[in-house]
Structure formats: C-alpha cells, structure tokens
Amino acid sequence: MDDVLQIRQIRLQAMNNMEEITLSPKPSYTLEGQSVSWTDYLGQLQKIIDWCDTKLSQSQPYEIHSYGST
C-alpha cells in the first residue's frame, strides 16, 4: 500500500471516530486512576486529520509557472 493510500485510510478512520463521538457524546471520567477526556480525544483526532490533510496536499502533483522578463 502506498503512503497516500495509508494516509487516506488513517484520515477516514479518524473521521469515523470523530463522527461516532459527536453523535453520542460522553462525559469525561476517571476510572481506577486513569482519566478519559473525550474533549482531548476529539482534539487529538482533529490533529490527526489536519496532519493527514497536510501530507495529502503535499503529495499532490503541481506545476510551477515562471515568466521571464524581456
């Protein structure tokens, strides 16, 4: 699998997790000394999506147009 396909898959998974969280939000809690913050998790997913978007935009082919002066 090439890098672009992997990044697209990671982005899709993060988007699916984000959708699931926002459809049925849960409160943050602490269980046996371990904290779970859904707000922090949502922020981490957004960072993953942003990273993927940056990588995907960098992988797009592009053209450079330059004009010389006469």
C-alpha atoms as a PDB file:
ATOM      1  CA  MET A   1       0.000   0.000   0.000  1.00  0.00           C
ATOM      2  CA  ASP A   2       1.493   3.332  -0.894  1.00  0.00           C
ATOM      3  CA  ASP A   3       1.795   6.238   1.517  1.00  0.00           C
ATOM      4  CA  VAL A   4      -1.084   8.236   0.054  1.00  0.00           C
ATOM      5  CA  LEU A   5      -3.496   5.328   0.460  1.00  0.00           C
ATOM      6  CA  GLN A   6      -2.351   4.768   4.048  1.00  0.00           C
ATOM      7  CA  ILE A   7      -2.783   8.444   4.888  1.00  0.00           C
ATOM      8  CA  ARG A   8      -6.256   8.445   3.336  1.00  0.00           C
ATOM      9  CA  GLN A   9      -7.143   5.375   5.415  1.00  0.00           C
ATOM     10  CA  ILE A  10      -5.854   6.984   8.625  1.00  0.00           C
ATOM     11  CA  ARG A  11      -7.863  10.127   7.842  1.00  0.00           C
ATOM     12  CA  LEU A  12     -11.001   8.099   7.190  1.00  0.00           C
ATOM     13  CA  GLN A  13     -10.627   6.190  10.463  1.00  0.00           C
ATOM     14  CA  ALA A  14     -10.121   9.429  12.409  1.00  0.00           C
ATOM     15  CA  MET A  15     -13.167  10.975  10.722  1.00  0.00           C
ATOM     16  CA  ASN A  16     -15.272   7.906  11.539  1.00  0.00           C
ATOM     17  CA  ASN A  17     -14.160   8.032  15.196  1.00  0.00           C
ATOM     18  CA  MET A  18     -14.901  11.753  15.329  1.00  0.00           C
ATOM     19  CA  GLU A  19     -18.370  11.191  13.871  1.00  0.00           C
ATOM     20  CA  GLU A  20     -19.099   8.463  16.417  1.00  0.00           C
ATOM     21  CA  ILE A  21     -18.015  10.667  19.325  1.00  0.00           C
ATOM     22  CA  THR A  22     -20.062  13.651  18.214  1.00  0.00           C
ATOM     23  CA  LEU A  23     -23.181  11.572  17.524  1.00  0.00           C
ATOM     24  CA  SER A  24     -23.254  10.212  21.060  1.00  0.00           C
ATOM     25  CA  PRO A  25     -21.086  12.426  23.285  1.00  0.00           C
ATOM     26  CA  LYS A  26     -19.978  11.054  26.632  1.00  0.00           C
ATOM     27  CA  PRO A  27     -18.743  12.857  29.728  1.00  0.00           C
ATOM     28  CA  SER A  28     -15.102  12.746  30.745  1.00  0.00           C
ATOM     29  CA  TYR A  29     -14.384  10.448  33.684  1.00  0.00           C
ATOM     30  CA  THR A  30     -11.722   8.796  35.829  1.00  0.00           C
ATOM     31  CA  LEU A  31     -11.663   5.038  36.326  1.00  0.00           C
ATOM     32  CA  GLU A  32      -9.134   3.330  38.589  1.00  0.00           C
ATOM     33  CA  GLY A  33      -6.850   6.353  38.415  1.00  0.00           C
ATOM     34  CA  GLN A  34      -6.990   6.650  34.621  1.00  0.00           C
ATOM     35  CA  SER A  35      -8.646   9.738  33.151  1.00  0.00           C
ATOM     36  CA  VAL A  36     -10.640   9.668  29.937  1.00  0.00           C
ATOM     37  CA  SER A  37     -11.303  13.069  28.389  1.00  0.00           C
ATOM     38  CA  TRP A  38     -13.462  12.937  25.293  1.00  0.00           C
ATOM     39  CA  THR A  39     -12.691  16.581  24.564  1.00  0.00           C
ATOM     40  CA  ASP A  40      -8.951  15.804  24.497  1.00  0.00           C
ATOM     41  CA  TYR A  41      -9.572  12.736  22.330  1.00  0.00           C
ATOM     42  CA  LEU A  42     -11.632  14.798  19.904  1.00  0.00           C
ATOM     43  CA  GLY A  43      -8.772  17.324  19.721  1.00  0.00           C
ATOM     44  CA  GLN A  44      -6.274  14.535  19.015  1.00  0.00           C
ATOM     45  CA  LEU A  45      -8.453  13.215  16.206  1.00  0.00           C
ATOM     46  CA  GLN A  46      -8.636  16.713  14.705  1.00  0.00           C
ATOM     47  CA  LYS A  47      -4.834  16.968  14.823  1.00  0.00           C
ATOM     48  CA  ILE A  48      -4.571  13.628  13.015  1.00  0.00           C
ATOM     49  CA  ILE A  49      -6.992  14.821  10.336  1.00  0.00           C
ATOM     50  CA  ASP A  50      -5.081  18.095   9.939  1.00  0.00           C
ATOM     51  CA  TRP A  51      -1.785  16.180   9.637  1.00  0.00           C
ATOM     52  CA  CYS A  52      -3.304  13.890   7.009  1.00  0.00           C
ATOM     53  CA  ASP A  53      -4.661  16.870   5.067  1.00  0.00           C
ATOM     54  CA  THR A  54      -1.219  18.498   5.079  1.00  0.00           C
ATOM     55  CA  LYS A  55       0.507  15.310   3.901  1.00  0.00           C
ATOM     56  CA  LEU A  56      -2.085  14.705   1.199  1.00  0.00           C
ATOM     57  CA  SER A  57      -1.822  18.267  -0.103  1.00  0.00           C
ATOM     58  CA  GLN A  58       1.968  17.907  -0.255  1.00  0.00           C
ATOM     59  CA  SER A  59       1.657  14.731  -2.288  1.00  0.00           C
ATOM     60  CA  GLN A  60      -0.481  16.324  -4.995  1.00  0.00           C
ATOM     61  CA  PRO A  61       1.248  16.941  -8.292  1.00  0.00           C
ATOM     62  CA  TYR A  62       1.788  20.572  -9.069  1.00  0.00           C
ATOM     63  CA  GLU A  63       3.131  22.816 -11.768  1.00  0.00           C
ATOM     64  CA  ILE A  64       5.380  25.795 -11.403  1.00  0.00           C
ATOM     65  CA  HIS A  65       4.803  28.599 -13.858  1.00  0.00           C
ATOM     66  CA  SER A  66       7.517  31.149 -14.206  1.00  0.00           C
ATOM     67  CA  TYR A  67       7.772  34.080 -16.511  1.00  0.00           C
ATOM     68  CA  GLY A  68      10.993  35.694 -17.604  1.00  0.00           C
ATOM     69  CA  SER A  69      11.376  39.350 -18.315  1.00  0.00           C
ATOM     70  CA  THR A  70      12.470  40.538 -21.720  1.00  0.00           C
END
